[in-house]
Amino acid sequence: MIELEGVPELIDPVMVAAFEGWNDAGDAASTAVAHLDREWKGEVFAALDAEDYYDFQVNRPTVFLDNGVRKITWPTTRLSVVRVGGDKPRDLVLVRGIEPSMRWRSFCNELLAFAHELGVEMVVILGALLGDTPHTRPVPVSGVTSDPDLARTMDLEETRYEGPTGIVGILQEACTHAGVPAVSLWAAVPHYVSQPPNPKATLALLNRLEDLIGLRIPLGELPEDARAWQLGVDQLAAEDSEVAEYVQTLEEARDTAELPEASGEAIAREFERYLRRREPGAGPGSGPGVATEGGDSPFLRDPGSGRTRPPKPEQPGPESVPGATGDAGGNQPDEGPENEGPENEDPDGEGPENGGAPDGDSGK
């Protein structure tokens, strides 16, 4: 049994998780959780044992100097707690790590054990995929779940994906089997400008998370970073006529697909969201203590066994993400898109051989 010492009793806690690797195009998802941790001054209270889940030849440890003393940082997954103040305080359990190389079921069991001990009410997993979406338009963000009731009550897409998956898809299914409500939020990143960081996609994920859990998130410099990123990509595209033509094609396709959405109801929803963000926000509350963990994790049911025109993605993209119709780099979500993962993916959940490579899969 996991014992948490120094962590206060949490208020309506929600676990928010993101993992570097196949599920994290442009580092958008992991950067979003890092932003929450930084803005609300989270303190790490637990870390999973790196030797249990990571291949150090794939995800290598790093050596650094601390006041002249050499130290090692091991690749792992860490958990922290932040308390959001205001009229209705609420706690977030932040999970940030690297997609594990092995033992995915045990990995999910351990995270679910923490969720159980902390009284987590819902798990939200962030991901990002590469798709046919223009950088000049708002970033499409889809919300999916395996729970039909949750899909109805929270206006989410019920996933029906079949195929190879990443740790996001495995963790979401583990939550479903354990009876923990779970949602995955996916941002579509333009495949022709996939290099991290992508602050625009990170901002879109945080905006959607804000609506989902009913908290006002301090955005800091992210809006300005997103504008600067788009201007930079605009300049690069303007220097190549083929790229500019391709972006225009994506814009036309996106605008045509979204034309029915430009209704009075949609505009009203956007205006209400704007007004909510203009209201006095919640500030950070007291920080958590430090805890230790130990013991066994609960049972999880074992499922059966040069500048040129940007290439058109070979694989279809997620139906649930408007404008994200493909992936040029293999970075697609798994539990919603009709895509295939990299050739070295292990669909049984024991982890892809590419470990924490930043341009792998995502999984809904």
Protein backbone atom coordinates (compact mmCIF):
# COMPACT_ATOMS: atom_id res chain seq x y z
CA MET A 1 0.00 0.00 0.00
CA ILE A 2 1.24 3.48 -0.90
CA GLU A 3 1.73 5.77 2.08
CA LEU A 4 1.65 9.51 1.53
CA GLU A 5 3.20 11.55 4.30
CA GLY A 6 3.07 15.33 4.31
CA VAL A 7 0.42 15.63 1.60
CA PRO A 8 -2.69 17.39 2.96
CA GLU A 9 -6.18 16.10 2.42
CA LEU A 10 -7.06 17.14 -1.11
CA ILE A 11 -10.10 19.07 -2.24
CA ASP A 12 -11.96 17.64 -5.27
CA PRO A 13 -8.65 16.47 -6.78
CA VAL A 14 -8.17 15.96 -10.52
CA MET A 15 -5.12 14.17 -11.90
CA VAL A 16 -3.62 15.80 -15.00
CA ALA A 17 -1.00 13.73 -16.83
CA ALA A 18 1.24 14.08 -19.89
CA PHE A 19 4.08 11.96 -21.22
CA GLU A 20 6.93 12.81 -23.54
CA GLY A 21 7.32 10.59 -26.56
CA TRP A 22 4.83 9.10 -28.99
CA ASN A 23 1.95 11.05 -27.46
CA ASP A 24 3.54 14.50 -27.45
CA ALA A 25 3.89 16.20 -30.85
CA GLY A 26 5.75 19.48 -30.54
CA ASP A 27 6.15 18.77 -26.80
CA ALA A 28 2.76 20.48 -26.47
CA ALA A 29 1.27 18.17 -23.83
CA SER A 30 4.28 17.82 -21.53
CA THR A 31 4.87 21.57 -21.74
CA ALA A 32 1.27 22.19 -20.65
CA VAL A 33 1.70 20.14 -17.46
CA ALA A 34 5.08 21.77 -16.83
CA HIS A 35 3.34 25.17 -17.14
CA LEU A 36 0.76 24.20 -14.52
CA ASP A 37 3.48 22.96 -12.19
CA ARG A 38 5.48 26.17 -12.61
CA GLU A 39 2.60 28.64 -12.35
CA TRP A 40 1.11 26.98 -9.25
CA LYS A 41 4.47 26.11 -7.69
CA GLY A 42 3.94 22.39 -7.39
CA GLU A 43 6.22 20.30 -5.24
CA VAL A 44 7.14 16.76 -6.20
CA PHE A 45 5.89 14.26 -3.62
CA ALA A 46 6.63 10.99 -5.43
CA ALA A 47 8.59 9.55 -8.35
CA LEU A 48 8.29 6.13 -9.93
CA ASP A 49 11.34 3.86 -9.84
CA ALA A 50 13.11 4.48 -13.15
CA GLU A 51 14.61 1.00 -13.28
CA ASP A 52 11.14 -0.56 -13.35
CA TYR A 53 9.95 1.16 -16.51
CA TYR A 54 12.76 2.69 -18.59
CA ASP A 55 15.43 1.37 -20.93
CA PHE A 56 18.40 3.61 -20.18
CA GLN A 57 19.92 2.94 -23.61
CA VAL A 58 16.82 4.59 -25.08
CA ASN A 59 16.16 7.24 -22.42
CA ARG A 60 19.62 7.98 -21.07
CA PRO A 61 20.25 9.55 -17.66
CA THR A 62 22.02 12.90 -17.61
CA VAL A 63 24.97 14.06 -15.54
CA PHE A 64 25.19 17.60 -14.16
CA LEU A 65 27.29 19.60 -11.72
CA ASP A 66 25.72 20.93 -8.53
CA ASN A 67 28.19 23.25 -6.76
CA GLY A 68 31.03 21.21 -8.20
CA VAL A 69 29.48 17.88 -7.26
CA ARG A 70 28.52 15.53 -10.10
CA LYS A 71 24.96 14.26 -9.89
CA ILE A 72 22.72 12.14 -12.10
CA THR A 73 19.14 12.75 -13.17
CA TRP A 74 17.31 9.56 -14.10
CA PRO A 75 14.46 9.50 -16.63
CA THR A 76 11.24 8.82 -14.75
CA THR A 77 7.70 9.98 -14.03
CA ARG A 78 7.10 12.40 -11.15
CA LEU A 79 3.95 13.44 -9.31
CA SER A 80 3.26 16.78 -7.66
CA VAL A 81 0.25 18.43 -6.04
CA VAL A 82 -0.88 22.04 -6.45
CA ARG A 83 -3.69 23.76 -4.58
CA VAL A 84 -5.66 26.31 -6.58
CA GLY A 85 -7.19 28.95 -4.33
CA GLY A 86 -10.16 31.24 -4.86
CA ASP A 87 -13.84 30.99 -3.98
CA LYS A 88 -13.87 27.28 -4.78
CA PRO A 89 -10.40 25.87 -4.08
CA ARG A 90 -9.42 22.69 -5.83
CA ASP A 91 -6.33 20.50 -5.99
CA LEU A 92 -4.55 19.11 -9.02
CA VAL A 93 -2.30 16.06 -9.00
CA LEU A 94 0.19 16.65 -11.82
CA VAL A 95 1.87 13.67 -13.49
CA ARG A 96 4.72 14.41 -15.86
CA GLY A 97 7.11 11.88 -17.31
CA ILE A 98 8.31 9.91 -20.30
CA GLU A 99 6.39 7.16 -22.01
CA PRO A 100 7.75 4.00 -20.36
CA SER A 101 9.83 1.50 -22.29
CA MET A 102 8.36 -1.57 -20.57
CA ARG A 103 5.84 -2.92 -18.04
CA TRP A 104 3.03 -0.60 -19.03
CA ARG A 105 0.36 -2.39 -17.00
CA SER A 106 2.40 -2.09 -13.82
CA PHE A 107 3.11 1.55 -14.67
CA CYS A 108 -0.60 2.31 -14.92
CA ASN A 109 -1.32 0.30 -11.76
CA GLU A 110 1.13 2.43 -9.82
CA LEU A 111 -0.37 5.69 -11.05
CA LEU A 112 -3.87 4.43 -10.26
CA ALA A 113 -2.73 3.48 -6.76
CA PHE A 114 -1.69 7.08 -6.18
CA ALA A 115 -5.00 8.28 -7.62
CA HIS A 116 -6.90 6.00 -5.23
CA GLU A 117 -4.94 7.05 -2.16
CA LEU A 118 -5.33 10.73 -3.00
CA GLY A 119 -9.06 10.47 -3.72
CA VAL A 120 -8.74 11.59 -7.35
CA GLU A 121 -12.17 12.18 -8.88
CA MET A 122 -11.13 12.28 -12.54
CA VAL A 123 -8.01 11.71 -14.64
CA VAL A 124 -7.28 14.03 -17.57
CA ILE A 125 -4.51 12.93 -19.93
CA LEU A 126 -3.05 15.44 -22.37
CA GLY A 127 -1.68 14.47 -25.77
CA ALA A 128 -0.71 16.00 -29.10
CA LEU A 129 -0.63 14.59 -32.62
CA LEU A 130 0.60 15.68 -36.04
CA GLY A 131 -2.10 16.42 -38.57
CA ASP A 132 -3.28 18.27 -41.67
CA THR A 133 -4.08 21.50 -39.86
CA PRO A 134 -2.84 24.98 -40.84
CA HIS A 135 -0.80 26.94 -38.33
CA THR A 136 -2.83 30.06 -39.14
CA ARG A 137 -6.06 28.70 -37.66
CA PRO A 138 -7.02 27.88 -34.06
CA VAL A 139 -5.52 24.62 -32.87
CA PRO A 140 -8.13 21.83 -32.94
CA VAL A 141 -8.46 20.13 -29.56
CA SER A 142 -10.60 17.03 -29.16
CA GLY A 143 -11.81 15.51 -25.93
CA VAL A 144 -12.38 11.74 -25.91
CA THR A 145 -13.34 9.14 -23.35
CA SER A 146 -14.11 5.42 -23.17
CA ASP A 147 -17.01 6.06 -20.79
CA PRO A 148 -20.35 6.56 -22.62
CA ASP A 149 -21.93 8.30 -19.63
CA LEU A 150 -18.99 10.68 -19.29
CA ALA A 151 -19.15 11.39 -23.02
CA ARG A 152 -22.78 12.46 -22.70
CA THR A 153 -22.48 14.50 -19.53
CA MET A 154 -19.28 16.35 -20.51
CA ASP A 155 -19.94 16.71 -24.26
CA LEU A 156 -17.00 14.52 -25.23
CA GLU A 157 -16.32 12.14 -28.10
CA GLU A 158 -16.67 8.45 -27.27
CA THR A 159 -13.59 6.76 -28.67
CA ARG A 160 -14.00 3.82 -31.02
CA TYR A 161 -10.40 3.51 -32.18
CA GLU A 162 -8.87 0.10 -32.82
CA GLY A 163 -5.14 -0.35 -33.43
CA PRO A 164 -1.70 0.27 -31.91
CA THR A 165 -1.71 2.61 -28.95
CA GLY A 166 0.60 4.65 -26.73
CA ILE A 167 0.71 5.08 -22.97
CA VAL A 168 -2.10 7.65 -23.11
CA GLY A 169 -4.46 5.05 -24.54
CA ILE A 170 -3.30 2.38 -22.10
CA LEU A 171 -3.72 4.65 -19.07
CA GLN A 172 -7.17 5.77 -20.18
CA GLU A 173 -8.34 2.16 -20.53
CA ALA A 174 -6.75 1.28 -17.18
CA CYS A 175 -8.76 4.07 -15.57
CA THR A 176 -11.94 2.79 -17.20
CA HIS A 177 -11.38 -0.75 -15.91
CA ALA A 178 -10.64 0.64 -12.44
CA GLY A 179 -13.82 2.72 -12.42
CA VAL A 180 -12.01 6.06 -12.51
CA PRO A 181 -13.50 8.66 -14.90
CA ALA A 182 -10.86 9.49 -17.52
CA VAL A 183 -10.67 11.98 -20.40
CA SER A 184 -7.99 12.49 -23.03
CA LEU A 185 -7.49 15.93 -24.59
CA TRP A 186 -5.69 15.97 -27.94
CA ALA A 187 -4.21 18.98 -29.75
CA ALA A 188 -3.47 18.74 -33.48
CA VAL A 189 -0.04 20.14 -34.44
CA PRO A 190 0.71 21.08 -38.09
CA HIS A 191 2.84 18.27 -39.47
CA TYR A 192 4.90 20.67 -41.59
CA VAL A 193 6.14 22.54 -38.53
CA SER A 194 6.41 19.79 -35.93
CA GLN A 195 9.61 20.84 -34.16
CA PRO A 196 9.12 21.72 -30.49
CA PRO A 197 8.18 23.86 -28.82
CA ASN A 198 4.70 24.69 -30.03
CA PRO A 199 3.28 27.23 -27.57
CA LYS A 200 0.13 27.67 -29.63
CA ALA A 201 -0.81 24.01 -29.18
CA THR A 202 0.13 24.14 -25.49
CA LEU A 203 -2.11 27.18 -25.04
CA ALA A 204 -5.00 25.41 -26.78
CA LEU A 205 -4.68 22.39 -24.47
CA LEU A 206 -4.70 24.60 -21.39
CA ASN A 207 -7.76 26.49 -22.64
CA ARG A 208 -9.65 23.24 -23.13
CA LEU A 209 -8.50 21.91 -19.77
CA GLU A 210 -9.69 25.15 -18.18
CA ASP A 211 -13.18 24.59 -19.56
CA LEU A 212 -13.21 20.92 -18.62
CA ILE A 213 -12.31 21.21 -14.95
CA GLY A 214 -13.75 24.67 -14.29
CA LEU A 215 -10.55 26.40 -13.19
CA ARG A 216 -9.01 29.60 -14.43
CA ILE A 217 -5.42 28.84 -15.42
CA PRO A 218 -2.83 31.63 -15.32
CA LEU A 219 -1.36 31.67 -18.82
CA GLY A 220 1.66 33.87 -18.16
CA GLU A 221 3.63 34.55 -21.36
CA LEU A 222 2.05 31.72 -23.34
CA PRO A 223 -0.32 33.92 -25.41
CA GLU A 224 2.57 36.16 -26.47
CA ASP A 225 4.76 33.14 -27.17
CA ALA A 226 1.99 31.66 -29.32
CA ARG A 227 1.68 34.87 -31.35
CA ALA A 228 5.44 35.04 -31.84
CA TRP A 229 5.50 31.39 -32.91
CA GLN A 230 2.79 31.96 -35.52
CA LEU A 231 4.53 35.06 -36.89
CA GLY A 232 7.75 33.09 -37.19
CA VAL A 233 6.05 30.29 -39.10
CA ASP A 234 4.30 32.87 -41.30
CA GLN A 235 7.69 34.30 -42.27
CA LEU A 236 9.14 30.88 -43.03
CA ALA A 237 6.14 29.91 -45.15
CA ALA A 238 6.27 33.20 -47.07
CA GLU A 239 9.82 32.40 -48.17
CA ASP A 240 8.72 29.26 -50.04
CA SER A 241 5.92 29.46 -52.59
CA GLU A 242 5.17 25.74 -52.42
CA VAL A 243 4.80 25.82 -48.65
CA ALA A 244 2.65 28.94 -48.85
CA GLU A 245 0.41 27.25 -51.45
CA TYR A 246 0.13 24.15 -49.31
CA VAL A 247 -0.82 26.17 -46.23
CA GLN A 248 -3.48 27.97 -48.28
CA THR A 249 -4.91 24.61 -49.34
CA LEU A 250 -5.13 23.51 -45.71
CA GLU A 251 -6.77 26.82 -44.76
CA GLU A 252 -9.44 26.42 -47.43
CA ALA A 253 -10.16 22.85 -46.39
CA ARG A 254 -10.36 23.82 -42.73
CA ASP A 255 -12.60 26.82 -43.35
CA THR A 256 -14.96 24.78 -45.51
CA ALA A 257 -15.21 22.02 -42.93
CA GLU A 258 -15.92 24.45 -40.10
CA LEU A 259 -18.36 26.71 -41.91
CA PRO A 260 -21.45 25.11 -40.30
CA GLU A 261 -19.90 25.71 -36.88
CA ALA A 262 -19.94 29.49 -37.33
CA SER A 263 -23.39 29.64 -35.77
CA GLY A 264 -24.78 32.07 -33.23
CA GLU A 265 -24.63 29.35 -30.58
CA ALA A 266 -20.93 28.68 -31.24
CA ILE A 267 -20.12 32.39 -31.14
CA ALA A 268 -22.04 32.75 -27.86
CA ARG A 269 -20.07 29.88 -26.30
CA GLU A 270 -16.79 31.49 -27.31
CA PHE A 271 -17.91 34.85 -25.86
CA GLU A 272 -18.90 33.21 -22.57
CA ARG A 273 -15.48 31.57 -22.36
CA TYR A 274 -13.87 34.96 -22.96
CA LEU A 275 -15.91 36.54 -20.17
CA ARG A 276 -14.99 33.76 -17.74
CA ARG A 277 -11.32 34.38 -18.37
CA ARG A 278 -11.79 38.11 -17.75
CA GLU A 279 -13.18 37.48 -14.27
CA PRO A 280 -10.86 37.65 -11.26
CA GLY A 281 -8.96 34.38 -11.26
CA ALA A 282 -7.86 31.97 -8.64
CA GLY A 283 -4.38 32.30 -7.30
CA PRO A 284 -2.03 29.65 -6.11
CA GLY A 285 -2.62 28.26 -2.68
CA SER A 286 -0.47 26.51 -0.16
CA GLY A 287 2.08 24.07 -1.45
CA PRO A 288 2.07 20.36 -0.62
CA GLY A 289 4.52 18.53 1.54
CA VAL A 290 6.81 15.71 0.61
CA ALA A 291 5.68 12.13 0.77
CA THR A 292 7.12 8.67 0.35
CA GLU A 293 5.55 5.67 -1.28
CA GLY A 294 5.79 1.99 -0.80
CA GLY A 295 3.90 -1.24 -1.11
CA ASP A 296 2.04 -2.97 -3.88
CA SER A 297 -0.22 -1.41 -6.46
CA PRO A 298 -3.79 -2.63 -6.94
CA PHE A 299 -4.87 -5.20 -9.50
CA LEU A 300 -5.56 -4.10 -13.04
CA ARG A 301 -7.30 -6.50 -15.39
CA ASP A 302 -4.89 -7.91 -17.96
CA PRO A 303 -6.41 -7.46 -21.44
CA GLY A 304 -6.00 -10.10 -24.13
CA SER A 305 -3.43 -10.49 -26.20
CA GLY A 306 15.55 20.86 -48.16
CA ARG A 307 12.63 23.04 -48.68
CA THR A 308 10.10 21.20 -50.66
CA ARG A 309 6.39 20.93 -50.46
CA PRO A 310 5.49 19.30 -47.18
CA PRO A 311 4.62 15.65 -47.82
CA LYS A 312 1.03 14.58 -47.60
CA PRO A 313 0.62 12.34 -44.58
CA GLU A 314 0.34 8.73 -45.66
CA GLN A 315 -2.04 7.71 -42.90
CA PRO A 316 -5.50 9.06 -42.10
CA GLY A 317 -5.82 11.09 -38.94
CA PRO A 318 -8.29 11.21 -36.09
CA GLU A 319 -11.88 11.73 -37.05
CA SER A 320 -12.46 13.45 -33.73
CA VAL A 321 -9.99 16.27 -34.41
CA PRO A 322 -11.24 18.65 -37.14
CA GLY A 323 -8.52 19.37 -39.65
CA ALA A 324 -6.16 16.75 -38.25
CA THR A 325 -6.43 14.25 -41.05
CA GLY A 326 -3.00 12.73 -41.05
CA ASP A 327 0.52 12.55 -39.74
CA ALA A 328 3.74 13.10 -41.56
CA GLY A 329 5.89 11.92 -38.72
CA GLY A 330 3.99 9.05 -37.17
CA ASN A 331 2.73 11.09 -34.23
CA GLN A 332 -0.93 10.26 -33.98
CA PRO A 333 -3.32 9.55 -31.16
CA ASP A 334 -4.27 5.95 -30.77
CA GLU A 335 -7.70 5.71 -29.26
CA GLY A 336 -9.56 7.89 -31.72
CA PRO A 337 -7.69 8.13 -35.03
CA GLU A 338 -7.67 5.47 -37.66
CA ASN A 339 -3.90 5.40 -37.88
CA GLU A 340 -1.06 3.00 -37.55
CA GLY A 341 1.83 3.44 -35.16
CA PRO A 342 5.52 3.04 -35.87
CA GLU A 343 6.67 -0.34 -37.03
CA ASN A 344 8.42 -0.98 -33.73
CA GLU A 345 5.33 -0.34 -31.62
CA ASP A 346 4.27 -3.09 -29.25
CA PRO A 347 0.45 -3.17 -29.35
CA ASP A 348 0.35 -5.40 -26.28
CA GLY A 349 1.32 -2.43 -24.09
CA GLU A 350 4.88 -3.36 -23.19
CA GLY A 351 6.21 -0.17 -24.66
CA PRO A 352 7.60 0.98 -28.02
CA GLU A 353 11.26 0.54 -28.67
CA ASN A 354 11.58 4.23 -29.42
CA GLY A 355 10.95 5.06 -25.76
CA GLY A 356 10.79 8.79 -25.25
CA ALA A 357 11.31 9.85 -28.86
CA PRO A 358 9.42 13.13 -29.21
CA ASP A 359 7.75 12.29 -32.49
CA GLY A 360 5.94 9.10 -31.83
CA ASP A 361 2.33 8.20 -31.22
CA SER A 362 -0.41 9.50 -29.10
CA GLY A 363 -3.29 7.36 -27.98
CA LYS A 364 -6.82 8.11 -27.21
